[in-house]
N, C-alpha and C. Protein backbone atom coordinates (compact mmCIF):
# COMPACT_ATOMS: atom_id res chain seq x y z
N MET A 1 -13.29 6.43 -11.85
CA MET A 1 -12.74 5.79 -10.62
C MET A 1 -11.13 5.96 -10.47
N LYS A 2 -10.77 6.12 -9.26
CA LYS A 2 -9.39 6.06 -8.94
C LYS A 2 -9.05 5.00 -7.96
N LEU A 3 -7.84 4.34 -8.15
CA LEU A 3 -7.31 3.47 -7.11
C LEU A 3 -6.09 4.30 -6.49
N ILE A 4 -6.23 4.48 -5.02
CA ILE A 4 -5.27 5.05 -4.32
C ILE A 4 -4.56 4.07 -3.51
N ILE A 5 -3.18 4.06 -3.64
CA ILE A 5 -2.37 3.16 -3.08
C ILE A 5 -1.45 3.91 -2.22
N ALA A 6 -1.55 3.72 -0.86
CA ALA A 6 -0.80 4.40 0.19
C ALA A 6 0.07 3.42 0.98
N ALA A 7 1.38 3.69 1.12
CA ALA A 7 2.17 3.01 2.01
C ALA A 7 2.51 3.92 3.16
N ILE A 8 2.04 3.57 4.53
CA ILE A 8 2.14 4.44 5.60
C ILE A 8 2.64 3.63 6.89
N LYS A 9 3.02 4.27 7.92
CA LYS A 9 3.57 3.72 9.05
C LYS A 9 2.45 2.94 9.68
N PRO A 10 2.79 1.90 10.15
CA PRO A 10 1.60 1.01 10.76
C PRO A 10 0.91 1.56 11.97
N PHE A 11 1.49 2.35 12.87
CA PHE A 11 0.84 2.89 13.90
C PHE A 11 -0.18 4.05 13.56
N LYS A 12 -0.15 4.41 12.29
CA LYS A 12 -1.00 5.47 11.84
C LYS A 12 -2.21 4.98 11.09
N LEU A 13 -2.36 3.74 11.07
CA LEU A 13 -3.47 2.93 10.24
C LEU A 13 -4.78 3.32 10.71
N GLU A 14 -5.06 3.09 12.17
CA GLU A 14 -6.33 3.33 12.69
C GLU A 14 -6.74 4.90 12.67
N GLU A 15 -5.87 5.84 12.81
CA GLU A 15 -6.03 7.20 12.60
C GLU A 15 -6.37 7.50 11.09
N VAL A 16 -5.72 7.01 10.24
CA VAL A 16 -6.17 7.20 8.87
C VAL A 16 -7.49 6.67 8.67
N ARG A 17 -7.78 5.44 8.95
CA ARG A 17 -8.97 4.84 8.81
C ARG A 17 -10.15 5.58 9.32
N GLU A 18 -10.17 6.08 10.53
CA GLU A 18 -11.15 6.97 11.18
C GLU A 18 -11.27 8.17 10.26
N ALA A 19 -10.30 8.78 9.87
CA ALA A 19 -10.38 10.07 9.06
C ALA A 19 -11.17 9.94 7.71
N LEU A 20 -10.72 8.72 7.04
CA LEU A 20 -11.34 8.41 5.82
C LEU A 20 -12.84 7.94 5.87
N THR A 21 -13.18 7.29 6.99
CA THR A 21 -14.40 6.73 7.28
C THR A 21 -15.39 8.09 7.47
N ALA A 22 -14.88 9.04 8.14
CA ALA A 22 -15.59 10.27 8.36
C ALA A 22 -15.92 10.98 7.08
N GLN A 23 -14.88 10.85 6.07
CA GLN A 23 -15.05 11.50 4.81
C GLN A 23 -15.99 10.76 3.78
N GLY A 24 -16.46 9.61 4.26
CA GLY A 24 -17.38 8.95 3.26
C GLY A 24 -16.70 7.71 2.75
N VAL A 25 -15.55 7.42 2.98
CA VAL A 25 -14.76 6.12 2.26
C VAL A 25 -15.47 4.88 2.87
N ARG A 26 -16.10 4.02 2.06
CA ARG A 26 -16.64 2.91 2.57
C ARG A 26 -16.07 1.60 2.61
N GLY A 27 -14.94 1.56 2.15
CA GLY A 27 -14.03 0.39 2.22
C GLY A 27 -12.63 0.50 1.83
N MET A 28 -11.78 -0.34 2.16
CA MET A 28 -10.50 -0.36 1.92
C MET A 28 -9.80 -1.70 2.13
N MET A 29 -8.65 -1.91 1.40
CA MET A 29 -7.90 -3.22 1.71
C MET A 29 -6.71 -2.88 2.33
N VAL A 30 -6.25 -3.57 3.30
CA VAL A 30 -5.06 -3.19 4.09
C VAL A 30 -4.02 -4.49 4.06
N THR A 31 -2.90 -4.23 3.75
CA THR A 31 -1.86 -5.27 3.67
C THR A 31 -0.63 -4.87 4.58
N GLU A 32 0.04 -5.83 5.29
CA GLU A 32 1.21 -5.54 5.94
C GLU A 32 2.35 -5.79 4.99
N ILE A 33 3.32 -4.85 4.81
CA ILE A 33 4.35 -4.90 3.85
C ILE A 33 5.52 -4.59 4.50
N LYS A 34 6.81 -4.78 3.78
CA LYS A 34 7.98 -4.40 4.16
C LYS A 34 8.59 -3.61 2.91
N GLY A 35 9.46 -2.54 3.10
CA GLY A 35 10.01 -1.91 2.03
C GLY A 35 11.13 -0.86 2.46
N PHE A 36 11.60 -0.27 1.49
CA PHE A 36 12.45 0.85 1.69
C PHE A 36 12.42 1.88 0.75
N GLY A 37 12.67 3.02 0.95
CA GLY A 37 12.74 4.22 0.06
C GLY A 37 14.01 5.04 0.22
N ALA A 38 13.84 6.23 0.27
CA ALA A 38 15.18 7.07 0.35
C ALA A 38 15.93 6.73 1.55
N GLN A 39 15.44 6.39 2.61
CA GLN A 39 16.19 6.13 3.86
C GLN A 39 17.08 4.73 3.68
N SER A 40 16.66 3.93 2.75
CA SER A 40 17.42 2.66 2.55
C SER A 40 17.60 1.93 3.90
N GLY A 41 16.45 1.81 4.63
CA GLY A 41 16.38 0.99 5.83
C GLY A 41 17.15 1.90 6.99
N HIS A 42 17.33 1.20 8.03
CA HIS A 42 18.02 1.93 9.08
C HIS A 42 18.78 0.89 10.11
N THR A 43 19.45 1.27 11.05
CA THR A 43 20.13 0.52 11.99
C THR A 43 19.36 0.43 13.29
N GLU A 44 19.45 -0.66 14.09
CA GLU A 44 18.74 -0.69 15.36
C GLU A 44 19.76 -1.44 16.29
N ILE A 45 19.60 -1.21 17.53
CA ILE A 45 20.45 -1.70 18.59
C ILE A 45 19.61 -2.74 19.36
N TYR A 46 19.94 -4.16 19.38
CA TYR A 46 19.16 -5.21 20.10
C TYR A 46 20.12 -5.87 21.01
N ARG A 47 19.89 -5.87 22.26
CA ARG A 47 20.65 -6.55 23.29
C ARG A 47 22.14 -6.17 23.12
N GLY A 48 22.37 -4.81 22.80
CA GLY A 48 23.81 -4.28 22.89
C GLY A 48 24.32 -4.37 21.55
N ALA A 49 23.77 -5.19 20.53
CA ALA A 49 24.42 -5.41 19.22
C ALA A 49 23.68 -4.57 18.09
N GLU A 50 24.38 -3.89 17.29
CA GLU A 50 23.87 -3.04 16.32
C GLU A 50 23.56 -3.88 15.03
N TYR A 51 22.49 -3.69 14.35
CA TYR A 51 22.37 -4.43 13.12
C TYR A 51 21.41 -3.68 12.10
N ALA A 52 21.63 -4.00 10.99
CA ALA A 52 20.91 -3.24 9.85
C ALA A 52 19.59 -3.86 9.59
N VAL A 53 18.55 -2.98 9.38
CA VAL A 53 17.21 -3.34 9.03
C VAL A 53 17.15 -2.79 7.64
N ALA A 54 17.06 -3.70 6.57
CA ALA A 54 17.05 -3.32 5.18
C ALA A 54 15.66 -2.96 4.75
N PHE A 55 14.69 -3.61 5.42
CA PHE A 55 13.26 -3.57 5.02
C PHE A 55 12.45 -3.00 6.12
N VAL A 56 11.83 -1.80 5.99
CA VAL A 56 11.06 -1.16 7.07
C VAL A 56 9.49 -1.64 6.91
N PRO A 57 8.96 -1.98 8.13
CA PRO A 57 7.60 -2.39 8.00
C PRO A 57 6.69 -1.15 7.73
N LYS A 58 5.75 -1.38 6.89
CA LYS A 58 4.74 -0.44 6.45
C LYS A 58 3.49 -1.16 6.37
N VAL A 59 2.35 -0.30 6.10
CA VAL A 59 1.01 -0.82 5.94
C VAL A 59 0.57 -0.24 4.43
N LYS A 60 0.14 -1.10 3.63
CA LYS A 60 -0.31 -0.65 2.40
C LYS A 60 -1.84 -0.75 2.35
N LEU A 61 -2.37 0.64 2.05
CA LEU A 61 -3.91 0.78 1.76
C LEU A 61 -4.12 0.82 0.41
N GLU A 62 -5.28 0.17 -0.10
CA GLU A 62 -5.68 0.13 -1.39
C GLU A 62 -7.30 0.67 -1.30
N ILE A 63 -7.40 1.72 -1.94
CA ILE A 63 -8.87 2.32 -1.85
C ILE A 63 -9.31 2.71 -3.23
N VAL A 64 -10.50 2.36 -3.58
CA VAL A 64 -11.00 2.66 -4.95
C VAL A 64 -12.23 3.68 -4.55
N VAL A 65 -12.10 4.97 -5.20
CA VAL A 65 -13.11 6.06 -4.85
C VAL A 65 -13.60 6.74 -6.27
N PRO A 66 -14.73 7.27 -6.29
CA PRO A 66 -15.12 8.07 -7.49
C PRO A 66 -14.03 9.18 -7.73
N ASP A 67 -13.94 9.45 -8.90
CA ASP A 67 -13.08 10.63 -9.45
C ASP A 67 -13.19 11.79 -8.36
N ALA A 68 -14.38 12.30 -8.16
CA ALA A 68 -14.64 13.53 -7.45
C ALA A 68 -14.09 13.45 -6.04
N LEU A 69 -14.04 12.31 -5.33
CA LEU A 69 -13.50 12.11 -4.04
C LEU A 69 -11.99 11.75 -3.94
N ALA A 70 -11.15 11.64 -5.13
CA ALA A 70 -9.88 11.11 -5.14
C ALA A 70 -8.92 12.15 -4.40
N GLU A 71 -9.01 13.37 -4.81
CA GLU A 71 -8.17 14.51 -4.30
C GLU A 71 -8.37 14.66 -2.83
N ALA A 72 -9.53 14.73 -2.34
CA ALA A 72 -9.83 14.73 -0.92
C ALA A 72 -9.27 13.66 -0.20
N VAL A 73 -9.35 12.42 -0.69
CA VAL A 73 -8.89 11.24 -0.05
C VAL A 73 -7.30 11.23 0.20
N VAL A 74 -6.65 11.66 -0.87
CA VAL A 74 -5.24 11.81 -0.97
C VAL A 74 -4.81 12.91 0.05
N THR A 75 -5.43 13.92 0.07
CA THR A 75 -5.12 15.02 1.19
C THR A 75 -5.23 14.42 2.46
N THR A 76 -6.44 13.83 2.78
CA THR A 76 -6.68 13.36 4.16
C THR A 76 -5.57 12.22 4.58
N ILE A 77 -5.23 11.46 3.72
CA ILE A 77 -4.20 10.39 4.14
C ILE A 77 -2.85 11.14 4.32
N ALA A 78 -2.50 11.99 3.39
CA ALA A 78 -1.26 12.77 3.54
C ALA A 78 -1.20 13.45 4.90
N ARG A 79 -2.24 14.12 5.23
CA ARG A 79 -2.33 15.02 6.50
C ARG A 79 -2.40 14.05 7.67
N THR A 80 -3.17 12.93 7.63
CA THR A 80 -3.33 12.10 8.89
C THR A 80 -1.93 11.23 9.08
N ALA A 81 -1.48 10.75 8.00
CA ALA A 81 -0.26 9.79 8.25
C ALA A 81 1.06 10.64 8.46
N ARG A 82 1.13 11.85 8.30
CA ARG A 82 2.25 12.70 8.44
C ARG A 82 2.84 12.67 9.80
N THR A 83 4.18 12.28 10.00
CA THR A 83 4.74 12.36 11.32
C THR A 83 6.03 13.47 11.18
N ASP A 84 6.27 13.97 9.88
CA ASP A 84 7.31 15.00 9.71
C ASP A 84 8.62 14.16 9.95
N LYS A 85 8.75 12.86 9.93
CA LYS A 85 9.92 12.22 10.09
C LYS A 85 10.11 11.37 8.81
N ILE A 86 11.42 10.84 8.63
CA ILE A 86 11.76 10.06 7.29
C ILE A 86 10.95 8.79 7.41
N GLY A 87 10.30 8.42 6.15
CA GLY A 87 9.67 7.04 6.17
C GLY A 87 8.14 7.26 6.44
N ASP A 88 7.67 8.62 6.15
CA ASP A 88 6.28 8.67 6.34
C ASP A 88 5.45 7.77 5.20
N GLY A 89 6.04 7.65 4.17
CA GLY A 89 5.44 6.87 3.20
C GLY A 89 5.19 7.60 1.81
N LYS A 90 4.36 6.88 0.90
CA LYS A 90 4.03 7.37 -0.42
C LYS A 90 2.57 7.19 -0.70
N ILE A 91 2.16 7.97 -1.61
CA ILE A 91 0.71 7.82 -2.07
C ILE A 91 0.78 7.70 -3.66
N PHE A 92 0.07 6.87 -4.30
CA PHE A 92 -0.03 6.88 -5.79
C PHE A 92 -1.42 6.75 -6.16
N VAL A 93 -1.70 7.29 -7.22
CA VAL A 93 -3.14 7.39 -7.88
C VAL A 93 -3.20 6.82 -9.29
N LEU A 94 -4.01 5.83 -9.42
CA LEU A 94 -4.09 5.27 -10.77
C LEU A 94 -5.47 5.22 -11.04
N ASP A 95 -5.72 5.22 -12.47
CA ASP A 95 -7.13 5.22 -12.97
C ASP A 95 -7.59 3.62 -12.96
N VAL A 96 -8.85 3.55 -12.58
CA VAL A 96 -9.60 2.29 -12.66
C VAL A 96 -10.46 2.10 -13.83
N GLU A 97 -10.35 1.05 -14.54
CA GLU A 97 -11.07 0.87 -15.83
C GLU A 97 -12.51 0.50 -15.56
N SER A 98 -12.52 -0.46 -14.66
CA SER A 98 -13.99 -0.92 -14.26
C SER A 98 -13.85 -1.63 -12.96
N ALA A 99 -14.98 -1.77 -12.26
CA ALA A 99 -15.37 -2.47 -11.04
C ALA A 99 -16.54 -3.27 -11.07
N LEU A 100 -16.63 -4.42 -10.32
CA LEU A 100 -17.75 -5.35 -10.35
C LEU A 100 -18.03 -5.81 -9.03
N ARG A 101 -19.06 -5.55 -8.32
CA ARG A 101 -19.50 -6.29 -7.09
C ARG A 101 -19.87 -7.65 -7.33
N VAL A 102 -19.11 -8.66 -6.91
CA VAL A 102 -19.55 -10.09 -7.26
C VAL A 102 -20.90 -10.44 -6.76
N ARG A 103 -21.13 -9.99 -5.57
CA ARG A 103 -22.54 -10.54 -4.94
C ARG A 103 -23.75 -10.03 -5.69
N THR A 104 -23.63 -8.85 -6.25
CA THR A 104 -24.99 -8.28 -6.74
C THR A 104 -24.80 -8.05 -8.34
N GLY A 105 -23.64 -8.13 -8.89
CA GLY A 105 -23.30 -7.83 -10.33
C GLY A 105 -23.19 -6.35 -10.58
N GLU A 106 -23.35 -5.36 -9.67
CA GLU A 106 -23.33 -4.02 -9.87
C GLU A 106 -21.93 -3.85 -10.47
N THR A 107 -21.82 -2.65 -11.32
CA THR A 107 -20.64 -2.25 -11.90
C THR A 107 -20.36 -0.79 -11.83
N GLY A 108 -19.13 -0.40 -12.14
CA GLY A 108 -18.75 0.99 -12.09
C GLY A 108 -18.67 1.41 -10.68
N GLU A 109 -19.09 2.81 -10.56
CA GLU A 109 -19.26 3.31 -9.17
C GLU A 109 -20.14 2.76 -8.25
N ASP A 110 -21.31 2.01 -8.81
CA ASP A 110 -22.25 1.48 -8.13
C ASP A 110 -21.59 0.24 -7.30
N ALA A 111 -20.59 -0.24 -7.89
CA ALA A 111 -19.85 -1.56 -7.24
C ALA A 111 -19.13 -1.00 -5.94
N LEU A 112 -18.91 0.30 -5.87
CA LEU A 112 -17.95 0.65 -4.71
C LEU A 112 -18.78 0.65 -3.43
C-alpha cells in the first residue's frame, strides 16, 4: 500500500476529488494548510497597501491506495491540479506498513 500526500491549490480540490472518485479511489483525508515552496510567498495589495504573504493557502490530500493504483492516482492528481502557474503544489508517495479498519477489524488492503 502507498500513502499519497498532495498539497494543491484549494480551488482545484473538487476537480481532483471527482477525477479520483472516477478512478476508484474510495476515500481521502483533506486538511486546509498554509505553506511556501520555491516562490517563498508573494505580495498582495489590499486597500492600496502592499503587504507580503509569507504562507500561501493550500489543501493537503492524504490518500492510501493499493500499490497497483498508486502511479495512476499520482498521475491523475498531477494532471487535474495543474494550472501551469507557480505554486501548483507537490506530491509525495510513501510506503504504508499496515492499515486497520476500526469498525470491522479488517487489515491491509481490505481496510481501505
